[in-house]
N, C-alpha and C. Protein backbone atom coordinates (compact mmCIF):
# COMPACT_ATOMS: atom_id res chain seq x y z
N UNK A 1 -6.22 47.41 15.32
CA UNK A 1 -5.27 47.14 16.36
C UNK A 1 -5.86 46.16 17.35
N UNK A 2 -4.98 45.32 17.88
CA UNK A 2 -5.42 44.34 18.87
C UNK A 2 -5.31 44.89 20.27
N UNK A 3 -5.69 44.07 21.21
CA UNK A 3 -5.60 44.46 22.61
C UNK A 3 -4.18 44.23 23.10
N UNK A 4 -3.73 45.06 23.99
CA UNK A 4 -2.37 44.99 24.50
C UNK A 4 -2.36 44.14 25.76
N UNK A 5 -1.45 43.18 25.83
CA UNK A 5 -1.31 42.33 27.01
C UNK A 5 -0.30 42.97 27.96
N UNK A 6 -0.57 42.87 29.25
CA UNK A 6 0.33 43.44 30.24
C UNK A 6 1.56 42.57 30.43
N UNK A 7 2.56 43.12 31.11
CA UNK A 7 3.78 42.36 31.37
C UNK A 7 3.51 41.13 32.21
N UNK A 8 2.58 41.24 33.15
CA UNK A 8 2.23 40.10 34.00
C UNK A 8 1.70 38.94 33.17
N UNK A 9 0.79 39.22 32.27
CA UNK A 9 0.20 38.17 31.43
C UNK A 9 1.26 37.54 30.55
N UNK A 10 2.12 38.36 29.95
CA UNK A 10 3.17 37.83 29.09
C UNK A 10 4.17 36.99 29.88
N UNK A 11 4.56 37.47 31.06
CA UNK A 11 5.55 36.76 31.87
C UNK A 11 5.01 35.40 32.31
N UNK A 12 3.78 35.37 32.82
CA UNK A 12 3.20 34.12 33.29
C UNK A 12 3.00 33.16 32.12
N UNK A 13 2.50 33.66 31.01
CA UNK A 13 2.24 32.81 29.85
C UNK A 13 3.52 32.21 29.30
N UNK A 14 4.56 33.03 29.17
CA UNK A 14 5.82 32.52 28.63
C UNK A 14 6.45 31.49 29.55
N UNK A 15 6.34 31.69 30.86
CA UNK A 15 6.91 30.72 31.79
C UNK A 15 6.12 29.41 31.75
N UNK A 16 4.80 29.47 31.59
CA UNK A 16 4.00 28.25 31.48
C UNK A 16 4.35 27.48 30.21
N UNK A 17 4.50 28.19 29.10
CA UNK A 17 4.84 27.53 27.84
C UNK A 17 6.25 26.95 27.91
N UNK A 18 7.16 27.64 28.59
CA UNK A 18 8.53 27.13 28.71
C UNK A 18 8.56 25.85 29.54
N UNK A 19 7.79 25.81 30.62
CA UNK A 19 7.80 24.64 31.51
C UNK A 19 6.93 23.51 31.00
N UNK A 20 5.73 23.82 30.55
CA UNK A 20 4.74 22.79 30.22
C UNK A 20 4.26 22.91 28.78
N UNK A 21 5.14 23.26 27.89
CA UNK A 21 4.76 23.51 26.50
C UNK A 21 4.12 22.34 25.80
N UNK A 22 4.50 21.12 26.17
CA UNK A 22 3.96 19.94 25.50
C UNK A 22 2.50 19.67 25.88
N UNK A 23 2.03 20.26 26.98
CA UNK A 23 0.66 20.03 27.43
C UNK A 23 -0.35 20.94 26.72
N UNK A 24 0.13 22.02 26.11
CA UNK A 24 -0.77 22.99 25.49
C UNK A 24 -1.02 22.64 24.03
N UNK A 25 -2.26 22.86 23.61
CA UNK A 25 -2.68 22.63 22.23
C UNK A 25 -3.02 23.97 21.60
N UNK A 26 -3.54 23.94 20.39
CA UNK A 26 -3.96 25.16 19.71
C UNK A 26 -5.40 25.53 20.02
N UNK A 27 -6.06 24.79 20.90
CA UNK A 27 -7.46 25.01 21.24
C UNK A 27 -7.57 25.78 22.56
N UNK A 28 -8.29 26.89 22.56
CA UNK A 28 -8.42 27.73 23.74
C UNK A 28 -9.10 27.00 24.89
N UNK A 29 -10.17 26.26 24.61
CA UNK A 29 -10.93 25.59 25.67
C UNK A 29 -10.08 24.54 26.38
N UNK A 30 -9.29 23.78 25.65
CA UNK A 30 -8.41 22.78 26.27
C UNK A 30 -7.32 23.47 27.08
N UNK A 31 -6.77 24.55 26.55
CA UNK A 31 -5.72 25.28 27.26
C UNK A 31 -6.25 25.91 28.54
N UNK A 32 -7.52 26.32 28.53
CA UNK A 32 -8.11 26.92 29.72
C UNK A 32 -8.12 25.93 30.87
N UNK A 33 -8.41 24.69 30.59
CA UNK A 33 -8.41 23.65 31.62
C UNK A 33 -7.00 23.40 32.14
N UNK A 34 -6.02 23.38 31.24
CA UNK A 34 -4.64 23.14 31.64
C UNK A 34 -4.12 24.29 32.50
N UNK A 35 -4.41 25.53 32.12
CA UNK A 35 -3.97 26.69 32.90
C UNK A 35 -4.61 26.67 34.28
N UNK A 36 -5.88 26.27 34.36
CA UNK A 36 -6.56 26.18 35.65
C UNK A 36 -5.91 25.14 36.54
N UNK A 37 -5.43 24.04 35.97
CA UNK A 37 -4.74 23.00 36.74
C UNK A 37 -3.39 23.48 37.25
N UNK A 38 -2.66 24.19 36.40
CA UNK A 38 -1.27 24.53 36.71
C UNK A 38 -1.12 25.77 37.58
N UNK A 39 -2.11 26.64 37.60
CA UNK A 39 -1.99 27.91 38.33
C UNK A 39 -3.13 28.08 39.31
N UNK A 40 -2.96 29.07 40.18
CA UNK A 40 -4.02 29.45 41.10
C UNK A 40 -4.37 30.91 40.85
N UNK A 41 -4.93 31.18 39.70
CA UNK A 41 -5.32 32.54 39.34
C UNK A 41 -6.76 32.74 39.81
N UNK A 42 -7.00 33.68 40.73
CA UNK A 42 -8.34 33.82 41.31
C UNK A 42 -9.37 34.41 40.36
N UNK A 43 -8.94 35.22 39.43
CA UNK A 43 -9.87 35.93 38.55
C UNK A 43 -10.06 35.16 37.25
N UNK A 44 -11.32 34.99 36.85
CA UNK A 44 -11.61 34.31 35.59
C UNK A 44 -11.12 35.13 34.40
N UNK A 45 -11.25 36.43 34.48
CA UNK A 45 -10.80 37.30 33.39
C UNK A 45 -9.29 37.21 33.20
N UNK A 46 -8.55 37.24 34.29
CA UNK A 46 -7.09 37.14 34.20
C UNK A 46 -6.67 35.77 33.67
N UNK A 47 -7.35 34.71 34.15
CA UNK A 47 -7.04 33.37 33.67
C UNK A 47 -7.30 33.26 32.17
N UNK A 48 -8.39 33.84 31.70
CA UNK A 48 -8.69 33.78 30.27
C UNK A 48 -7.69 34.59 29.45
N UNK A 49 -7.21 35.71 29.99
CA UNK A 49 -6.19 36.49 29.29
C UNK A 49 -4.89 35.69 29.17
N UNK A 50 -4.50 35.04 30.25
CA UNK A 50 -3.28 34.21 30.22
C UNK A 50 -3.48 33.06 29.23
N UNK A 51 -4.63 32.43 29.26
CA UNK A 51 -4.90 31.31 28.36
C UNK A 51 -4.89 31.76 26.90
N UNK A 52 -5.44 32.93 26.62
CA UNK A 52 -5.44 33.44 25.26
C UNK A 52 -4.03 33.69 24.74
N UNK A 53 -3.18 34.22 25.61
CA UNK A 53 -1.80 34.47 25.17
C UNK A 53 -1.03 33.16 25.03
N UNK A 54 -1.29 32.19 25.91
CA UNK A 54 -0.67 30.86 25.79
C UNK A 54 -1.09 30.23 24.46
N UNK A 55 -2.35 30.33 24.12
CA UNK A 55 -2.85 29.77 22.87
C UNK A 55 -2.18 30.43 21.68
N UNK A 56 -2.02 31.73 21.76
CA UNK A 56 -1.35 32.45 20.67
C UNK A 56 0.11 32.02 20.55
N UNK A 57 0.79 31.85 21.68
CA UNK A 57 2.19 31.40 21.65
C UNK A 57 2.31 30.00 21.07
N UNK A 58 1.40 29.11 21.41
CA UNK A 58 1.46 27.74 20.87
C UNK A 58 1.14 27.72 19.38
N UNK A 59 0.23 28.58 18.93
CA UNK A 59 -0.07 28.65 17.51
C UNK A 59 1.12 29.18 16.74
N UNK A 60 1.81 30.18 17.29
CA UNK A 60 3.01 30.70 16.63
C UNK A 60 4.11 29.66 16.59
N UNK A 61 4.22 28.87 17.65
CA UNK A 61 5.25 27.82 17.71
C UNK A 61 4.99 26.75 16.66
N UNK A 62 3.74 26.41 16.44
CA UNK A 62 3.37 25.38 15.47
C UNK A 62 3.65 25.84 14.04
N UNK A 63 3.57 27.13 13.78
CA UNK A 63 3.80 27.64 12.43
C UNK A 63 5.26 27.57 12.04
N UNK A 64 6.16 27.57 13.00
CA UNK A 64 7.59 27.52 12.69
C UNK A 64 8.01 26.18 12.25
């Protein structure tokens, strides 16, 4: 079983992908820089969780 993402992480990630979807790639490190530019998330752990879910959403989008 994987780790469960909270509603906050899913909501923020989905809104970022909806608004700025063309800026995100399938690479976590590149997405981490983009998320840092677009948001003001004070916690590194929370930012990485959001970035991980954004990366997963972009990978799923590419498979379709």
